[in-house]
Amino acid sequence: MKIRLNEDKEIVNTVREGLKRTGGYCPCRLERTEDTKCMCKEFKEQVEDPNFSGYCHCLLYYKEKE
């Protein structure tokens, strides 16, 4: 399994600025809970799925299948 940042530097910079502004919570989510703290629960669960490949909700991270 390999997790990498999005190749689009503009997206990475935008999301990172949002994370700073929200104290580490996904800037794409309205609610601020432990489940939406980056790396969010949704993406962690997707990472555990060996058949999943794709981006996290905010497009910051990408998981590649092995």
N, C-alpha and C. Protein backbone atom coordinates (compact mmCIF):
# COMPACT_ATOMS: atom_id res chain seq x y z
N MET A 1 0.85 -1.17 0.00
CA MET A 1 0.00 0.00 0.00
C MET A 1 0.89 1.24 0.00
N LYS A 2 0.50 2.21 -0.79
CA LYS A 2 1.23 3.46 -0.84
C LYS A 2 0.23 4.61 -0.78
N ILE A 3 0.47 5.53 0.15
CA ILE A 3 -0.34 6.73 0.27
C ILE A 3 0.56 7.91 -0.07
N ARG A 4 0.08 8.76 -0.96
CA ARG A 4 0.87 9.91 -1.38
C ARG A 4 0.00 11.15 -1.41
N LEU A 5 0.65 12.30 -1.47
CA LEU A 5 -0.07 13.55 -1.64
C LEU A 5 -0.57 13.66 -3.07
N ASN A 6 -1.62 14.42 -3.25
CA ASN A 6 -2.13 14.74 -4.57
C ASN A 6 -1.00 15.38 -5.38
N GLU A 7 -0.91 15.05 -6.65
CA GLU A 7 0.13 15.62 -7.50
C GLU A 7 -0.11 17.08 -7.84
N ASP A 8 -1.36 17.54 -7.66
CA ASP A 8 -1.71 18.93 -7.96
C ASP A 8 -1.33 19.80 -6.76
N LYS A 9 -0.24 20.54 -6.89
CA LYS A 9 0.30 21.34 -5.78
C LYS A 9 -0.68 22.41 -5.32
N GLU A 10 -1.50 22.94 -6.23
CA GLU A 10 -2.48 23.95 -5.86
C GLU A 10 -3.53 23.38 -4.90
N ILE A 11 -3.99 22.17 -5.19
CA ILE A 11 -4.95 21.50 -4.29
C ILE A 11 -4.30 21.25 -2.94
N VAL A 12 -3.07 20.75 -2.94
CA VAL A 12 -2.36 20.47 -1.69
C VAL A 12 -2.22 21.74 -0.86
N ASN A 13 -1.81 22.83 -1.48
CA ASN A 13 -1.66 24.09 -0.76
C ASN A 13 -2.99 24.61 -0.22
N THR A 14 -4.04 24.51 -1.01
CA THR A 14 -5.36 24.97 -0.58
C THR A 14 -5.86 24.17 0.61
N VAL A 15 -5.73 22.85 0.53
CA VAL A 15 -6.20 21.99 1.63
C VAL A 15 -5.36 22.23 2.88
N ARG A 16 -4.05 22.36 2.72
CA ARG A 16 -3.19 22.61 3.89
C ARG A 16 -3.53 23.93 4.56
N GLU A 17 -3.83 24.96 3.78
CA GLU A 17 -4.26 26.24 4.36
C GLU A 17 -5.57 26.06 5.13
N GLY A 18 -6.48 25.27 4.56
CA GLY A 18 -7.74 24.98 5.23
C GLY A 18 -7.53 24.22 6.52
N LEU A 19 -6.59 23.28 6.52
CA LEU A 19 -6.29 22.52 7.74
C LEU A 19 -5.73 23.44 8.82
N LYS A 20 -4.90 24.38 8.44
CA LYS A 20 -4.37 25.35 9.42
C LYS A 20 -5.51 26.18 10.00
N ARG A 21 -6.41 26.60 9.14
CA ARG A 21 -7.53 27.46 9.55
C ARG A 21 -8.50 26.73 10.47
N THR A 22 -8.65 25.42 10.28
CA THR A 22 -9.63 24.65 11.06
C THR A 22 -9.00 23.88 12.22
N GLY A 23 -7.71 24.04 12.42
CA GLY A 23 -7.06 23.33 13.52
C GLY A 23 -6.85 21.86 13.23
N GLY A 24 -6.72 21.50 11.95
CA GLY A 24 -6.44 20.12 11.59
C GLY A 24 -7.65 19.31 11.17
N TYR A 25 -8.81 19.93 11.19
CA TYR A 25 -10.02 19.24 10.74
C TYR A 25 -10.20 19.43 9.24
N CYS A 26 -10.79 18.44 8.59
CA CYS A 26 -11.01 18.50 7.15
C CYS A 26 -11.75 19.79 6.80
N PRO A 27 -11.14 20.62 5.95
CA PRO A 27 -11.79 21.87 5.59
C PRO A 27 -13.02 21.68 4.71
N CYS A 28 -13.22 20.48 4.20
CA CYS A 28 -14.37 20.19 3.34
C CYS A 28 -15.61 19.78 4.14
N ARG A 29 -15.45 19.61 5.42
CA ARG A 29 -16.56 19.14 6.27
C ARG A 29 -17.05 20.27 7.17
N LEU A 30 -18.35 20.28 7.42
CA LEU A 30 -18.93 21.30 8.29
C LEU A 30 -18.73 20.96 9.76
N GLU A 31 -18.79 19.67 10.07
CA GLU A 31 -18.68 19.25 11.47
C GLU A 31 -17.22 19.10 11.88
N ARG A 32 -16.94 19.39 13.12
CA ARG A 32 -15.59 19.27 13.68
C ARG A 32 -15.63 18.22 14.78
N THR A 33 -15.34 16.97 14.36
CA THR A 33 -15.31 15.86 15.31
C THR A 33 -14.02 15.09 15.09
N GLU A 34 -13.74 14.16 15.96
CA GLU A 34 -12.54 13.32 15.79
C GLU A 34 -12.58 12.57 14.46
N ASP A 35 -13.78 12.26 13.98
CA ASP A 35 -13.91 11.54 12.72
C ASP A 35 -13.50 12.39 11.52
N THR A 36 -13.50 13.73 11.67
CA THR A 36 -13.15 14.60 10.56
C THR A 36 -11.78 15.24 10.73
N LYS A 37 -11.03 14.79 11.73
CA LYS A 37 -9.66 15.26 11.92
C LYS A 37 -8.78 14.56 10.86
N CYS A 38 -7.92 15.33 10.21
CA CYS A 38 -7.08 14.79 9.14
C CYS A 38 -6.02 13.86 9.74
N MET A 39 -5.85 12.77 9.27
CA MET A 39 -6.41 11.94 8.24
C MET A 39 -7.72 11.38 8.78
N CYS A 40 -8.81 11.67 8.10
CA CYS A 40 -10.15 11.41 8.62
C CYS A 40 -10.46 9.91 8.71
N LYS A 41 -11.45 9.62 9.53
CA LYS A 41 -11.87 8.23 9.76
C LYS A 41 -12.30 7.57 8.45
N GLU A 42 -13.02 8.31 7.61
CA GLU A 42 -13.48 7.75 6.34
C GLU A 42 -12.31 7.25 5.50
N PHE A 43 -11.26 8.05 5.38
CA PHE A 43 -10.12 7.64 4.57
C PHE A 43 -9.34 6.52 5.23
N LYS A 44 -9.21 6.56 6.55
CA LYS A 44 -8.52 5.47 7.26
C LYS A 44 -9.21 4.13 6.98
N GLU A 45 -10.55 4.15 6.96
CA GLU A 45 -11.30 2.92 6.67
C GLU A 45 -11.09 2.51 5.23
N GLN A 46 -11.03 3.47 4.31
CA GLN A 46 -10.78 3.14 2.91
C GLN A 46 -9.38 2.55 2.74
N VAL A 47 -8.41 3.08 3.48
CA VAL A 47 -7.03 2.59 3.41
C VAL A 47 -6.96 1.13 3.82
N GLU A 48 -7.78 0.73 4.78
CA GLU A 48 -7.79 -0.65 5.25
C GLU A 48 -8.32 -1.62 4.20
N ASP A 49 -9.09 -1.13 3.25
CA ASP A 49 -9.65 -1.97 2.19
C ASP A 49 -8.58 -2.22 1.13
N PRO A 50 -8.12 -3.46 0.97
CA PRO A 50 -7.04 -3.74 0.01
C PRO A 50 -7.44 -3.47 -1.44
N ASN A 51 -8.73 -3.43 -1.72
CA ASN A 51 -9.19 -3.20 -3.09
C ASN A 51 -9.43 -1.73 -3.41
N PHE A 52 -9.32 -0.87 -2.41
CA PHE A 52 -9.58 0.56 -2.64
C PHE A 52 -8.34 1.25 -3.19
N SER A 53 -8.56 2.08 -4.19
CA SER A 53 -7.55 3.03 -4.62
C SER A 53 -8.31 4.30 -4.95
N GLY A 54 -7.77 5.43 -4.51
CA GLY A 54 -8.43 6.70 -4.78
C GLY A 54 -8.06 7.75 -3.77
N TYR A 55 -8.70 8.91 -3.92
CA TYR A 55 -8.43 10.07 -3.08
C TYR A 55 -9.28 10.07 -1.82
N CYS A 56 -8.76 10.74 -0.81
CA CYS A 56 -9.56 11.02 0.38
C CYS A 56 -10.60 12.07 0.01
N HIS A 57 -11.50 12.36 0.92
CA HIS A 57 -12.62 13.27 0.67
C HIS A 57 -12.17 14.64 0.18
N CYS A 58 -11.12 15.19 0.76
CA CYS A 58 -10.68 16.55 0.41
C CYS A 58 -9.63 16.57 -0.70
N LEU A 59 -9.28 15.40 -1.21
CA LEU A 59 -8.33 15.25 -2.32
C LEU A 59 -6.88 15.51 -1.94
N LEU A 60 -6.56 15.54 -0.66
CA LEU A 60 -5.18 15.76 -0.24
C LEU A 60 -4.34 14.50 -0.44
N TYR A 61 -4.87 13.34 -0.04
CA TYR A 61 -4.15 12.08 -0.12
C TYR A 61 -4.71 11.16 -1.18
N TYR A 62 -3.84 10.32 -1.72
CA TYR A 62 -4.24 9.30 -2.68
C TYR A 62 -3.66 7.97 -2.24
N LYS A 63 -4.51 6.94 -2.21
CA LYS A 63 -4.04 5.59 -1.88
C LYS A 63 -3.98 4.78 -3.15
N GLU A 64 -2.80 4.20 -3.38
CA GLU A 64 -2.60 3.33 -4.53
C GLU A 64 -2.72 1.89 -4.09
N LYS A 65 -3.34 1.07 -4.93
CA LYS A 65 -3.37 -0.38 -4.66
C LYS A 65 -1.99 -0.93 -4.90
N GLU A 66 -1.67 -1.97 -4.19
CA GLU A 66 -0.35 -2.60 -4.36
C GLU A 66 -0.29 -3.40 -5.63
